[in-house]
Protein backbone atom coordinates (compact mmCIF):
# COMPACT_ATOMS: atom_id res chain seq x y z
CA UNK A 1 -8.03 29.33 -32.65
CA UNK A 2 -7.34 30.40 -29.11
CA UNK A 3 -9.28 27.24 -27.85
CA UNK A 4 -6.74 24.91 -29.41
CA UNK A 5 -3.76 26.96 -28.63
CA UNK A 6 -4.63 26.15 -24.83
CA UNK A 7 -6.22 22.86 -25.10
CA UNK A 8 -2.04 22.03 -26.52
CA UNK A 9 -0.76 24.14 -23.92
CA UNK A 10 -2.65 22.09 -20.96
CA UNK A 11 -1.44 18.68 -23.11
CA UNK A 12 1.86 20.01 -23.14
CA UNK A 13 2.35 20.67 -19.18
CA UNK A 14 0.48 16.89 -18.54
CA UNK A 15 2.95 15.28 -20.53
CA UNK A 16 5.84 17.00 -18.84
CA UNK A 17 4.34 16.25 -15.69
CA UNK A 18 4.59 12.41 -15.92
CA UNK A 19 7.74 10.40 -15.21
CA UNK A 20 9.90 8.63 -17.02
CA UNK A 21 9.69 5.22 -17.88
CA UNK A 22 13.00 4.46 -16.39
CA UNK A 23 11.95 5.99 -12.68
CA UNK A 24 8.95 4.14 -12.57
CA UNK A 25 10.25 0.98 -13.26
CA UNK A 26 13.13 1.60 -10.50
CA UNK A 27 9.84 2.19 -7.88
CA UNK A 28 8.34 -0.80 -8.91
CA UNK A 29 11.72 -2.74 -8.30
CA UNK A 30 12.30 -1.15 -5.17
CA UNK A 31 8.56 -1.95 -4.41
CA UNK A 32 8.98 -5.34 -5.17
CA UNK A 33 12.05 -5.15 -2.79
CA UNK A 34 10.94 -4.14 -0.25
CA UNK A 35 7.61 -6.71 -0.53
CA UNK A 36 10.51 -10.10 -0.62
CA UNK A 37 12.07 -8.49 2.56
CA UNK A 38 8.58 -7.99 4.56
CA UNK A 39 7.25 -11.61 3.35
CA UNK A 40 6.97 -14.89 5.59
CA UNK A 41 10.07 -16.71 5.66
CA UNK A 42 10.25 -19.77 3.51
CA UNK A 43 9.70 -22.89 5.41
CA UNK A 44 12.81 -26.30 4.36
CA UNK A 45 10.75 -28.49 5.39
CA UNK A 46 8.84 -31.29 3.22
CA UNK A 47 6.61 -29.34 0.06
CA UNK A 48 3.67 -31.20 1.93
CA UNK A 49 4.08 -32.65 4.99
CA UNK A 50 0.00 -34.57 5.02
CA UNK A 51 0.83 -36.89 2.05
CA UNK A 52 3.27 -40.02 2.92
CA UNK A 53 4.98 -42.53 1.01
CA UNK A 54 3.31 -45.59 0.05
CA UNK A 55 5.04 -48.77 1.98
CA UNK A 56 6.99 -51.21 -0.78
CA UNK A 57 4.62 -54.01 -1.69
CA UNK A 58 5.80 -56.93 -0.39
CA UNK A 59 6.60 -60.33 -2.34
CA UNK A 60 4.90 -63.47 -2.06
């Protein structure tokens, strides 16, 4: 019975040490925000500069 009591008290102390889900979510969002700020800037040119438009066919 003593080992059961000690095991339950050990598990309860671990459960108290875990952070709340909202705290974890906020930290995750902060990491995403930081990654977005440090990401390389996006070019606003053509998405595929190596592809050219086809020339229009000439009527015969």
